[in-house]
Amino acid sequence: MPTRRTFIRSSAALIATGMVGPFSAAQDQPDTAKPTNNNKTPGKPPSLNADLVRETVGQAHRSLEAVRALVEATPLLVNACWDWGGGDFETPLQAAAHTGGRDIAEFLLAHQARQDVYAAAMLGDLNFVQHALAADPVTLATVPGPHGFTLLHCANKGGELARPVYDWLIAQGVPEVLHRPLPYIWPDGTAPGGKG
């Protein structure tokens, strides 16, 4: 049985001699997947409209009706991410998580939003949180989320349904801190207040 290295060398030799050409069939076909500009991957649609992304993430802090209208019109917005500045990235689901927007989070998840630990904490999904933090609950739980809100903050926003998550985090030794400053680093490598 050939080793992986032998197989790769043999395949490369065949391609180099022209005996086998993995792209030969494609070369005979017209290229219909050309990118529209040099920054696009072939076959991918253009980036989502930045104004729609900002609007969706913004509305996910407060309005299920607005989020529903935006996502139903443009389903890919469900996983959009906005940079509020300085690397403060946030998805619609994370916005719902730190504001306690259970109905918004459930709508987004039902429309294929990618579950994350902040939303799981707010929704009271203890199993997800435990698995996500299995390696080191204390360290991982203290990483600041969007706007600097902690996992404990999101569990707190989930109310009684998220109480088991809150209590588990405290039992693990997670400090009772609901907000931490984000570690902003400017393009020149400095951070507010000093070198990064």
N, C-alpha and C. Protein backbone atom coordinates (compact mmCIF):
# COMPACT_ATOMS: atom_id res chain seq x y z
N MET A 1 0.85 -1.17 0.00
CA MET A 1 0.00 0.00 0.00
C MET A 1 0.90 1.24 0.00
N PRO A 2 0.67 2.17 -0.93
CA PRO A 2 1.52 3.36 -0.98
C PRO A 2 1.27 4.27 0.21
N THR A 3 2.32 4.94 0.62
CA THR A 3 2.16 5.92 1.68
C THR A 3 1.57 7.18 1.10
N ARG A 4 1.14 8.06 1.96
CA ARG A 4 0.57 9.34 1.53
C ARG A 4 1.59 10.12 0.71
N ARG A 5 2.85 10.12 1.18
CA ARG A 5 3.91 10.85 0.49
C ARG A 5 4.14 10.28 -0.91
N THR A 6 4.16 8.94 -1.03
CA THR A 6 4.35 8.29 -2.32
C THR A 6 3.19 8.62 -3.26
N PHE A 7 1.99 8.60 -2.74
CA PHE A 7 0.81 8.91 -3.54
C PHE A 7 0.87 10.33 -4.07
N ILE A 8 1.24 11.27 -3.21
CA ILE A 8 1.31 12.68 -3.62
C ILE A 8 2.39 12.86 -4.68
N ARG A 9 3.56 12.23 -4.49
CA ARG A 9 4.64 12.34 -5.48
C ARG A 9 4.21 11.74 -6.82
N SER A 10 3.57 10.58 -6.77
CA SER A 10 3.12 9.93 -8.01
C SER A 10 2.09 10.78 -8.72
N SER A 11 1.16 11.31 -7.98
CA SER A 11 0.12 12.15 -8.56
C SER A 11 0.72 13.40 -9.17
N ALA A 12 1.66 14.02 -8.46
CA ALA A 12 2.31 15.23 -8.97
C ALA A 12 3.07 14.93 -10.25
N ALA A 13 3.74 13.78 -10.30
CA ALA A 13 4.49 13.40 -11.50
C ALA A 13 3.56 13.19 -12.68
N LEU A 14 2.43 12.54 -12.45
CA LEU A 14 1.47 12.31 -13.53
C LEU A 14 0.89 13.63 -14.04
N ILE A 15 0.60 14.51 -13.16
CA ILE A 15 0.06 15.81 -13.56
C ILE A 15 1.11 16.59 -14.33
N ALA A 16 2.36 16.57 -13.84
CA ALA A 16 3.44 17.32 -14.49
C ALA A 16 3.71 16.81 -15.90
N THR A 17 3.58 15.50 -16.14
CA THR A 17 3.84 14.94 -17.47
C THR A 17 2.64 15.09 -18.38
N GLY A 18 1.53 15.51 -17.85
CA GLY A 18 0.34 15.67 -18.68
C GLY A 18 -0.47 14.41 -18.84
N MET A 19 -0.04 13.32 -18.19
CA MET A 19 -0.78 12.07 -18.31
C MET A 19 -2.12 12.14 -17.59
N VAL A 20 -2.15 12.89 -16.53
CA VAL A 20 -3.39 13.09 -15.78
C VAL A 20 -3.50 14.57 -15.50
N GLY A 21 -4.66 15.11 -15.71
CA GLY A 21 -4.86 16.53 -15.45
C GLY A 21 -6.15 16.73 -14.70
N PRO A 22 -6.07 17.01 -13.40
CA PRO A 22 -7.28 17.14 -12.62
C PRO A 22 -8.17 18.27 -13.11
N PHE A 23 -7.59 19.22 -13.84
CA PHE A 23 -8.38 20.35 -14.28
C PHE A 23 -8.64 20.30 -15.79
N SER A 24 -8.22 19.18 -16.45
CA SER A 24 -8.33 19.13 -17.90
C SER A 24 -9.77 19.21 -18.36
N ALA A 25 -10.69 18.55 -17.67
CA ALA A 25 -12.09 18.63 -18.08
C ALA A 25 -12.61 20.04 -17.88
N ALA A 26 -12.20 20.67 -16.80
CA ALA A 26 -12.66 22.04 -16.54
C ALA A 26 -12.07 23.01 -17.54
N GLN A 27 -10.86 22.72 -18.06
CA GLN A 27 -10.24 23.62 -19.02
C GLN A 27 -10.99 23.63 -20.34
N ASP A 28 -11.66 22.52 -20.65
CA ASP A 28 -12.44 22.45 -21.88
C ASP A 28 -13.78 23.16 -21.74
N GLN A 29 -14.19 23.45 -20.52
CA GLN A 29 -15.47 24.09 -20.26
C GLN A 29 -15.30 25.60 -20.17
N PRO A 30 -16.30 26.37 -20.57
CA PRO A 30 -16.20 27.82 -20.35
C PRO A 30 -16.20 28.12 -18.86
N ASP A 31 -15.42 29.11 -18.45
CA ASP A 31 -15.32 29.49 -17.04
C ASP A 31 -16.50 30.37 -16.67
N THR A 32 -17.48 29.78 -15.99
CA THR A 32 -18.68 30.53 -15.61
C THR A 32 -18.60 31.01 -14.17
N ALA A 33 -17.55 30.62 -13.44
CA ALA A 33 -17.47 30.99 -12.02
C ALA A 33 -16.40 32.04 -11.78
N LYS A 34 -16.20 32.93 -12.74
CA LYS A 34 -15.18 33.96 -12.56
C LYS A 34 -15.65 34.96 -11.52
N PRO A 35 -14.74 35.40 -10.66
CA PRO A 35 -15.13 36.39 -9.66
C PRO A 35 -15.46 37.72 -10.32
N THR A 36 -16.34 38.47 -9.68
CA THR A 36 -16.71 39.78 -10.21
C THR A 36 -15.62 40.80 -9.94
N ASN A 37 -14.80 40.58 -8.93
CA ASN A 37 -13.62 41.41 -8.70
C ASN A 37 -12.55 40.57 -8.02
N ASN A 38 -11.38 41.11 -7.88
CA ASN A 38 -10.26 40.34 -7.36
C ASN A 38 -10.38 39.97 -5.89
N ASN A 39 -11.30 40.58 -5.15
CA ASN A 39 -11.44 40.30 -3.72
C ASN A 39 -12.46 39.21 -3.42
N LYS A 40 -13.08 38.66 -4.44
CA LYS A 40 -14.14 37.68 -4.23
C LYS A 40 -13.65 36.28 -4.55
N THR A 41 -14.15 35.31 -3.82
CA THR A 41 -13.89 33.92 -4.12
C THR A 41 -14.82 33.53 -5.27
N PRO A 42 -14.34 32.78 -6.25
CA PRO A 42 -15.20 32.40 -7.37
C PRO A 42 -16.48 31.74 -6.89
N GLY A 43 -17.57 32.14 -7.46
CA GLY A 43 -18.85 31.53 -7.17
C GLY A 43 -19.58 32.07 -5.96
N LYS A 44 -18.95 32.96 -5.20
CA LYS A 44 -19.61 33.51 -4.01
C LYS A 44 -20.35 34.79 -4.38
N PRO A 45 -21.51 35.01 -3.74
CA PRO A 45 -22.20 36.27 -3.98
C PRO A 45 -21.46 37.41 -3.28
N PRO A 46 -21.84 38.64 -3.58
CA PRO A 46 -21.16 39.76 -2.93
C PRO A 46 -21.43 39.79 -1.43
N SER A 47 -20.63 40.55 -0.72
CA SER A 47 -20.82 40.72 0.73
C SER A 47 -22.19 41.32 1.02
N LEU A 48 -22.69 41.02 2.21
CA LEU A 48 -23.95 41.61 2.63
C LEU A 48 -23.80 43.12 2.76
N ASN A 49 -24.87 43.81 2.53
CA ASN A 49 -24.89 45.27 2.64
C ASN A 49 -24.58 45.67 4.09
N ALA A 50 -23.57 46.50 4.28
CA ALA A 50 -23.13 46.89 5.62
C ALA A 50 -24.24 47.57 6.42
N ASP A 51 -25.05 48.38 5.77
CA ASP A 51 -26.15 49.06 6.48
C ASP A 51 -27.16 48.04 7.00
N LEU A 52 -27.42 46.99 6.22
CA LEU A 52 -28.36 45.95 6.67
C LEU A 52 -27.76 45.15 7.83
N VAL A 53 -26.48 44.88 7.77
CA VAL A 53 -25.82 44.15 8.86
C VAL A 53 -25.92 44.98 10.14
N ARG A 54 -25.53 46.25 10.08
CA ARG A 54 -25.58 47.11 11.26
C ARG A 54 -27.02 47.21 11.80
N GLU A 55 -27.99 47.36 10.90
CA GLU A 55 -29.39 47.47 11.31
C GLU A 55 -29.87 46.18 11.98
N THR A 56 -29.50 45.04 11.43
CA THR A 56 -29.94 43.76 12.00
C THR A 56 -29.36 43.55 13.39
N VAL A 57 -28.07 43.78 13.54
CA VAL A 57 -27.44 43.62 14.86
C VAL A 57 -28.02 44.64 15.83
N GLY A 58 -28.22 45.86 15.39
CA GLY A 58 -28.79 46.89 16.25
C GLY A 58 -30.20 46.53 16.71
N GLN A 59 -31.03 46.08 15.78
CA GLN A 59 -32.41 45.72 16.13
C GLN A 59 -32.48 44.47 17.00
N ALA A 60 -31.49 43.61 16.90
CA ALA A 60 -31.49 42.38 17.72
C ALA A 60 -31.32 42.69 19.20
N HIS A 61 -30.98 43.93 19.52
CA HIS A 61 -30.92 44.36 20.92
C HIS A 61 -32.32 44.62 21.49
N ARG A 62 -33.33 44.79 20.60
CA ARG A 62 -34.60 45.29 21.11
C ARG A 62 -35.87 44.87 20.39
N SER A 63 -35.84 44.48 19.11
CA SER A 63 -37.10 44.34 18.38
C SER A 63 -37.18 43.05 17.56
N LEU A 64 -37.98 42.11 18.03
CA LEU A 64 -38.20 40.87 17.30
C LEU A 64 -38.83 41.16 15.94
N GLU A 65 -39.80 42.07 15.90
CA GLU A 65 -40.49 42.36 14.65
C GLU A 65 -39.52 42.89 13.59
N ALA A 66 -38.63 43.80 13.98
CA ALA A 66 -37.66 44.34 13.02
C ALA A 66 -36.68 43.27 12.57
N VAL A 67 -36.21 42.44 13.50
CA VAL A 67 -35.28 41.36 13.16
C VAL A 67 -35.96 40.37 12.22
N ARG A 68 -37.20 40.03 12.51
CA ARG A 68 -37.95 39.09 11.66
C ARG A 68 -38.04 39.64 10.23
N ALA A 69 -38.40 40.89 10.08
CA ALA A 69 -38.54 41.48 8.75
C ALA A 69 -37.20 41.47 8.00
N LEU A 70 -36.13 41.84 8.69
CA LEU A 70 -34.81 41.89 8.06
C LEU A 70 -34.33 40.50 7.65
N VAL A 71 -34.47 39.52 8.54
CA VAL A 71 -33.99 38.16 8.26
C VAL A 71 -34.85 37.48 7.21
N GLU A 72 -36.15 37.71 7.23
CA GLU A 72 -37.01 37.10 6.22
C GLU A 72 -36.71 37.67 4.84
N ALA A 73 -36.33 38.95 4.77
CA ALA A 73 -35.99 39.56 3.49
C ALA A 73 -34.59 39.12 3.01
N THR A 74 -33.67 38.94 3.97
CA THR A 74 -32.28 38.55 3.65
C THR A 74 -31.83 37.52 4.68
N PRO A 75 -32.13 36.23 4.43
CA PRO A 75 -31.86 35.19 5.44
C PRO A 75 -30.41 35.12 5.92
N LEU A 76 -29.44 35.47 5.10
CA LEU A 76 -28.04 35.37 5.53
C LEU A 76 -27.69 36.36 6.63
N LEU A 77 -28.53 37.34 6.89
CA LEU A 77 -28.27 38.28 7.97
C LEU A 77 -28.29 37.60 9.34
N VAL A 78 -28.86 36.42 9.42
CA VAL A 78 -28.98 35.72 10.70
C VAL A 78 -27.61 35.50 11.35
N ASN A 79 -26.56 35.35 10.54
CA ASN A 79 -25.22 35.13 11.08
C ASN A 79 -24.27 36.28 10.80
N ALA A 80 -24.82 37.43 10.46
CA ALA A 80 -23.98 38.60 10.17
C ALA A 80 -23.27 39.04 11.44
N CYS A 81 -22.19 39.76 11.27
CA CYS A 81 -21.40 40.24 12.40
C CYS A 81 -21.02 41.69 12.14
N TRP A 82 -21.19 42.53 13.14
CA TRP A 82 -20.88 43.95 13.01
C TRP A 82 -19.75 44.32 13.96
N ASP A 83 -18.85 45.17 13.49
CA ASP A 83 -17.77 45.70 14.32
C ASP A 83 -18.19 47.09 14.74
N TRP A 84 -18.55 47.24 16.01
CA TRP A 84 -19.00 48.53 16.52
C TRP A 84 -17.84 49.51 16.68
N GLY A 85 -16.65 49.03 16.45
CA GLY A 85 -15.45 49.87 16.56
C GLY A 85 -14.46 49.24 17.50
N GLY A 86 -13.20 49.31 17.13
CA GLY A 86 -12.15 48.79 17.99
C GLY A 86 -12.20 47.30 18.21
N GLY A 87 -12.81 46.56 17.28
CA GLY A 87 -12.87 45.11 17.43
C GLY A 87 -14.00 44.62 18.31
N ASP A 88 -14.99 45.48 18.57
CA ASP A 88 -16.16 45.08 19.36
C ASP A 88 -17.16 44.42 18.41
N PHE A 89 -16.88 43.14 18.08
CA PHE A 89 -17.70 42.40 17.12
C PHE A 89 -18.94 41.83 17.81
N GLU A 90 -20.04 41.80 17.05
CA GLU A 90 -21.28 41.29 17.62
C GLU A 90 -22.17 40.74 16.51
N THR A 91 -22.78 39.59 16.79
CA THR A 91 -23.78 39.01 15.90
C THR A 91 -25.17 39.36 16.44
N PRO A 92 -26.22 39.18 15.62
CA PRO A 92 -27.57 39.39 16.16
C PRO A 92 -27.86 38.51 17.37
N LEU A 93 -27.39 37.26 17.34
CA LEU A 93 -27.63 36.35 18.46
C LEU A 93 -26.94 36.84 19.73
N GLN A 94 -25.73 37.35 19.60
CA GLN A 94 -25.03 37.87 20.77
C GLN A 94 -25.70 39.12 21.31
N ALA A 95 -26.28 39.93 20.43
CA ALA A 95 -27.02 41.11 20.88
C ALA A 95 -28.22 40.68 21.72
N ALA A 96 -28.93 39.69 21.23
CA ALA A 96 -30.08 39.18 21.99
C ALA A 96 -29.64 38.57 23.31
N ALA A 97 -28.47 37.93 23.31
CA ALA A 97 -27.99 37.25 24.52
C ALA A 97 -27.70 38.23 25.64
N HIS A 98 -27.01 39.34 25.35
CA HIS A 98 -26.63 40.23 26.45
C HIS A 98 -27.75 41.19 26.86
N THR A 99 -28.85 41.20 26.09
CA THR A 99 -29.99 42.03 26.48
C THR A 99 -31.15 41.20 27.03
N GLY A 100 -30.98 39.88 27.07
CA GLY A 100 -32.05 39.02 27.57
C GLY A 100 -33.18 38.84 26.59
N GLY A 101 -32.91 39.01 25.30
CA GLY A 101 -33.93 38.89 24.26
C GLY A 101 -34.19 37.44 23.87
N ARG A 102 -34.80 36.71 24.76
CA ARG A 102 -35.06 35.29 24.53
C ARG A 102 -35.85 35.05 23.24
N ASP A 103 -36.90 35.83 23.01
CA ASP A 103 -37.72 35.63 21.81
C ASP A 103 -36.91 35.89 20.54
N ILE A 104 -36.05 36.89 20.56
CA ILE A 104 -35.20 37.19 19.41
C ILE A 104 -34.19 36.06 19.20
N ALA A 105 -33.56 35.60 20.27
CA ALA A 105 -32.58 34.52 20.18
C ALA A 105 -33.23 33.24 19.64
N GLU A 106 -34.40 32.91 20.13
CA GLU A 106 -35.09 31.70 19.67
C GLU A 106 -35.47 31.82 18.19
N PHE A 107 -35.90 33.00 17.77
CA PHE A 107 -36.21 33.22 16.35
C PHE A 107 -34.95 33.02 15.51
N LEU A 108 -33.85 33.64 15.91
CA LEU A 108 -32.60 33.52 15.16
C LEU A 108 -32.12 32.08 15.07
N LEU A 109 -32.17 31.36 16.18
CA LEU A 109 -31.74 29.96 16.18
C LEU A 109 -32.64 29.10 15.29
N ALA A 110 -33.93 29.40 15.28
CA ALA A 110 -34.87 28.68 14.41
C ALA A 110 -34.61 28.96 12.94
N HIS A 111 -33.88 30.05 12.66
CA HIS A 111 -33.55 30.42 11.29
C HIS A 111 -32.06 30.21 10.99
N GLN A 112 -31.46 29.24 11.65
CA GLN A 112 -30.11 28.75 11.41
C GLN A 112 -28.98 29.67 11.87
N ALA A 113 -29.24 30.46 12.91
CA ALA A 113 -28.13 31.19 13.53
C ALA A 113 -27.20 30.16 14.17
N ARG A 114 -25.91 30.47 14.19
CA ARG A 114 -24.93 29.59 14.83
C ARG A 114 -24.97 29.82 16.34
N GLN A 115 -25.30 28.77 17.07
CA GLN A 115 -25.37 28.89 18.52
C GLN A 115 -24.00 29.27 19.07
N ASP A 116 -23.98 30.10 20.08
CA ASP A 116 -22.72 30.41 20.76
C ASP A 116 -22.94 30.36 22.26
N VAL A 117 -21.86 30.41 22.99
CA VAL A 117 -21.91 30.20 24.44
C VAL A 117 -22.66 31.34 25.15
N TYR A 118 -22.59 32.56 24.65
CA TYR A 118 -23.29 33.68 25.29
C TYR A 118 -24.81 33.49 25.20
N ALA A 119 -25.28 33.11 24.01
CA ALA A 119 -26.71 32.86 23.85
C ALA A 119 -27.14 31.64 24.66
N ALA A 120 -26.31 30.60 24.65
CA ALA A 120 -26.64 29.40 25.43
C ALA A 120 -26.78 29.74 26.91
N ALA A 121 -25.90 30.60 27.42
CA ALA A 121 -25.98 31.00 28.83
C ALA A 121 -27.28 31.73 29.10
N MET A 122 -27.65 32.68 28.23
CA MET A 122 -28.89 33.44 28.44
C MET A 122 -30.12 32.54 28.33
N LEU A 123 -30.06 31.56 27.44
CA LEU A 123 -31.20 30.67 27.24
C LEU A 123 -31.27 29.55 28.29
N GLY A 124 -30.24 29.44 29.13
CA GLY A 124 -30.25 28.42 30.17
C GLY A 124 -29.82 27.04 29.69
N ASP A 125 -29.08 26.98 28.61
CA ASP A 125 -28.62 25.69 28.07
C ASP A 125 -27.33 25.29 28.78
N LEU A 126 -27.49 24.74 29.97
CA LEU A 126 -26.35 24.37 30.82
C LEU A 126 -25.44 23.35 30.14
N ASN A 127 -26.02 22.39 29.45
CA ASN A 127 -25.23 21.35 28.78
C ASN A 127 -24.27 21.98 27.76
N PHE A 128 -24.77 22.90 26.94
CA PHE A 128 -23.93 23.56 25.94
C PHE A 128 -22.81 24.35 26.63
N VAL A 129 -23.16 25.10 27.66
CA VAL A 129 -22.18 25.91 28.37
C VAL A 129 -21.11 25.02 29.00
N GLN A 130 -21.52 23.95 29.64
CA GLN A 130 -20.55 23.04 30.27
C GLN A 130 -19.60 22.44 29.24
N HIS A 131 -20.13 22.02 28.10
CA HIS A 131 -19.27 21.45 27.06
C HIS A 131 -18.35 22.51 26.47
N ALA A 132 -18.86 23.71 26.25
CA ALA A 132 -18.04 24.78 25.68
C ALA A 132 -16.89 25.17 26.61
N LEU A 133 -17.12 25.08 27.91
CA LEU A 133 -16.12 25.52 28.88
C LEU A 133 -15.40 24.35 29.56
N ALA A 134 -15.54 23.17 29.01
CA ALA A 134 -14.99 21.98 29.68
C ALA A 134 -13.50 22.09 29.98
N ALA A 135 -12.73 22.67 29.12
CA ALA A 135 -11.28 22.74 29.32
C ALA A 135 -10.90 23.60 30.51
N ASP A 136 -11.56 24.74 30.67
CA ASP A 136 -11.18 25.69 31.72
C ASP A 136 -12.33 26.68 31.95
N PRO A 137 -13.33 26.30 32.73
CA PRO A 137 -14.51 27.15 32.89
C PRO A 137 -14.20 28.55 33.41
N VAL A 138 -13.30 28.67 34.37
CA VAL A 138 -13.05 29.99 34.98
C VAL A 138 -12.43 30.94 33.96
N THR A 139 -11.37 30.51 33.30
CA THR A 139 -10.71 31.38 32.33
C THR A 139 -11.62 31.70 31.15
N LEU A 140 -12.23 30.68 30.56
CA LEU A 140 -13.05 30.89 29.38
C LEU A 140 -14.29 31.72 29.68
N ALA A 141 -14.85 31.56 30.85
CA ALA A 141 -16.06 32.31 31.21
C ALA A 141 -15.78 33.77 31.49
N THR A 142 -14.53 34.13 31.73
CA THR A 142 -14.22 35.53 32.04
C THR A 142 -13.81 36.33 30.80
N VAL A 143 -13.70 35.68 29.64
CA VAL A 143 -13.39 36.40 28.40
C VAL A 143 -14.56 37.33 28.09
N PRO A 144 -14.29 38.62 27.88
CA PRO A 144 -15.40 39.54 27.62
C PRO A 144 -16.03 39.28 26.26
N GLY A 145 -17.36 39.30 26.25
CA GLY A 145 -18.09 39.15 24.99
C GLY A 145 -18.34 40.51 24.37
N PRO A 146 -19.31 40.60 23.46
CA PRO A 146 -19.62 41.88 22.84
C PRO A 146 -19.87 42.96 23.89
N HIS A 147 -19.31 44.13 23.64
CA HIS A 147 -19.40 45.30 24.52
C HIS A 147 -18.77 45.06 25.90
N GLY A 148 -18.09 43.93 26.07
CA GLY A 148 -17.45 43.63 27.34
C GLY A 148 -18.33 42.87 28.32
N PHE A 149 -19.55 42.52 27.91
CA PHE A 149 -20.43 41.77 28.81
C PHE A 149 -19.91 40.34 28.95
N THR A 150 -19.95 39.83 30.17
CA THR A 150 -19.43 38.50 30.45
C THR A 150 -20.51 37.44 30.26
N LEU A 151 -20.07 36.20 30.30
CA LEU A 151 -20.98 35.07 30.23
C LEU A 151 -21.94 35.09 31.42
N LEU A 152 -21.43 35.47 32.56
CA LEU A 152 -22.27 35.56 33.76
C LEU A 152 -23.37 36.60 33.57
N HIS A 153 -23.04 37.72 32.92
CA HIS A 153 -24.04 38.75 32.61
C HIS A 153 -25.15 38.15 31.75
N CYS A 154 -24.77 37.39 30.72
CA CYS A 154 -25.78 36.81 29.82
C CYS A 154 -26.66 35.82 30.57
N ALA A 155 -26.07 35.01 31.43
CA ALA A 155 -26.86 34.08 32.24
C ALA A 155 -27.80 34.85 33.16
N ASN A 156 -27.32 35.94 33.73
CA ASN A 156 -28.15 36.78 34.59
C ASN A 156 -29.33 37.36 33.82
N LYS A 157 -29.09 37.77 32.57
CA LYS A 157 -30.15 38.34 31.74
C LYS A 157 -31.19 37.30 31.36
N GLY A 158 -30.83 36.02 31.44
CA GLY A 158 -31.78 34.95 31.11
C GLY A 158 -32.82 34.70 32.18
N GLY A 159 -32.67 35.34 33.33
CA GLY A 159 -33.66 35.19 34.40
C GLY A 159 -33.68 33.80 35.00
N GLU A 160 -34.84 33.41 35.50
CA GLU A 160 -34.96 32.13 36.20
C GLU A 160 -34.65 30.93 35.32
N LEU A 161 -34.97 31.01 34.03
CA LEU A 161 -34.69 29.87 33.14
C LEU A 161 -33.19 29.64 32.97
N ALA A 162 -32.40 30.69 33.17
CA ALA A 162 -30.95 30.57 33.04
C ALA A 162 -30.25 30.46 34.39
N ARG A 163 -31.01 30.40 35.46
CA ARG A 163 -30.42 30.33 36.80
C ARG A 163 -29.47 29.15 36.99
N PRO A 164 -29.79 27.96 36.44
CA PRO A 164 -28.84 26.85 36.59
C PRO A 164 -27.47 27.15 35.97
N VAL A 165 -27.44 27.89 34.86
CA VAL A 165 -26.17 28.27 34.24
C VAL A 165 -25.43 29.24 35.16
N TYR A 166 -26.13 30.24 35.65
CA TYR A 166 -25.53 31.23 36.55
C TYR A 166 -24.94 30.54 37.78
N ASP A 167 -25.74 29.69 38.40
CA ASP A 167 -25.30 28.99 39.61
C ASP A 167 -24.10 28.08 39.33
N TRP A 168 -24.10 27.39 38.18
CA TRP A 168 -22.99 26.51 37.83
C TRP A 168 -21.71 27.32 37.64
N LEU A 169 -21.81 28.46 36.95
CA LEU A 169 -20.64 29.30 36.73
C LEU A 169 -20.05 29.76 38.07
N ILE A 170 -20.91 30.20 38.98
CA ILE A 170 -20.45 30.64 40.31
C ILE A 170 -19.80 29.47 41.04
N ALA A 171 -20.41 28.28 40.96
CA ALA A 171 -19.85 27.09 41.63
C ALA A 171 -18.48 26.72 41.07
N GLN A 172 -18.21 27.08 39.82
CA GLN A 172 -16.91 26.79 39.21
C GLN A 172 -15.84 27.78 39.64
N GLY A 173 -16.25 28.85 40.32
CA GLY A 173 -15.30 29.85 40.75
C GLY A 173 -15.20 31.05 39.83
N VAL A 174 -16.15 31.17 38.90
CA VAL A 174 -16.16 32.33 38.00
C VAL A 174 -16.47 33.56 38.84
N PRO A 175 -15.66 34.62 38.73
CA PRO A 175 -15.92 35.82 39.52
C PRO A 175 -17.26 36.47 39.15
N GLU A 176 -17.90 37.06 40.13
CA GLU A 176 -19.19 37.72 39.89
C GLU A 176 -18.95 39.08 39.26
N VAL A 177 -18.53 39.04 38.01
CA VAL A 177 -18.26 40.25 37.23
C VAL A 177 -19.15 40.19 36.00
N LEU A 178 -19.96 41.24 35.82
CA LEU A 178 -20.91 41.25 34.72
C LEU A 178 -20.37 41.99 33.49
N HIS A 179 -19.30 42.76 33.67
CA HIS A 179 -18.74 43.51 32.55
C HIS A 179 -17.24 43.63 32.72
N ARG A 180 -16.52 43.49 31.63
CA ARG A 180 -15.06 43.66 31.62
C ARG A 180 -14.71 44.54 30.44
N PRO A 181 -13.71 45.39 30.57
CA PRO A 181 -13.31 46.20 29.42
C PRO A 181 -12.76 45.32 28.31
N LEU A 182 -13.11 45.67 27.08
CA LEU A 182 -12.57 44.94 25.94
C LEU A 182 -11.10 45.30 25.76
N PRO A 183 -10.28 44.35 25.36
CA PRO A 183 -8.85 44.63 25.17
C PRO A 183 -8.59 45.26 23.80
N TYR A 184 -9.00 46.51 23.65
CA TYR A 184 -8.80 47.18 22.36
C TYR A 184 -7.32 47.31 22.04
N ILE A 185 -6.98 47.02 20.81
CA ILE A 185 -5.63 47.22 20.31
C ILE A 185 -5.77 48.01 19.02
N TRP A 186 -5.15 49.17 18.96
CA TRP A 186 -5.23 50.00 17.76
C TRP A 186 -4.30 49.45 16.68
N PRO A 187 -4.51 49.85 15.41
CA PRO A 187 -3.67 49.32 14.32
C PRO A 187 -2.17 49.51 14.52
N ASP A 188 -1.76 50.53 15.29
CA ASP A 188 -0.33 50.72 15.49
C ASP A 188 0.23 49.86 16.63
N GLY A 189 -0.61 48.97 17.18
CA GLY A 189 -0.17 48.05 18.22
C GLY A 189 -0.34 48.58 19.63
N THR A 190 -0.85 49.80 19.79
CA THR A 190 -1.07 50.34 21.13
C THR A 190 -2.49 50.06 21.58
N ALA A 191 -2.68 50.12 22.86
CA ALA A 191 -4.01 49.95 23.45
C ALA A 191 -4.34 51.25 24.20
N PRO A 192 -5.62 51.53 24.37
CA PRO A 192 -5.95 52.71 25.16
C PRO A 192 -5.25 52.65 26.52
N GLY A 193 -4.51 53.66 26.86
CA GLY A 193 -3.83 53.70 28.14
C GLY A 193 -2.44 53.13 28.13
N GLY A 194 -1.96 52.68 26.97
CA GLY A 194 -0.59 52.17 26.96
C GLY A 194 -0.33 51.20 25.84
N LYS A 195 0.83 50.61 25.84
CA LYS A 195 1.23 49.67 24.79
C LYS A 195 0.46 48.38 24.89
N GLY A 196 0.16 47.79 23.74
CA GLY A 196 -0.55 46.52 23.68
C GLY A 196 0.36 45.36 23.83
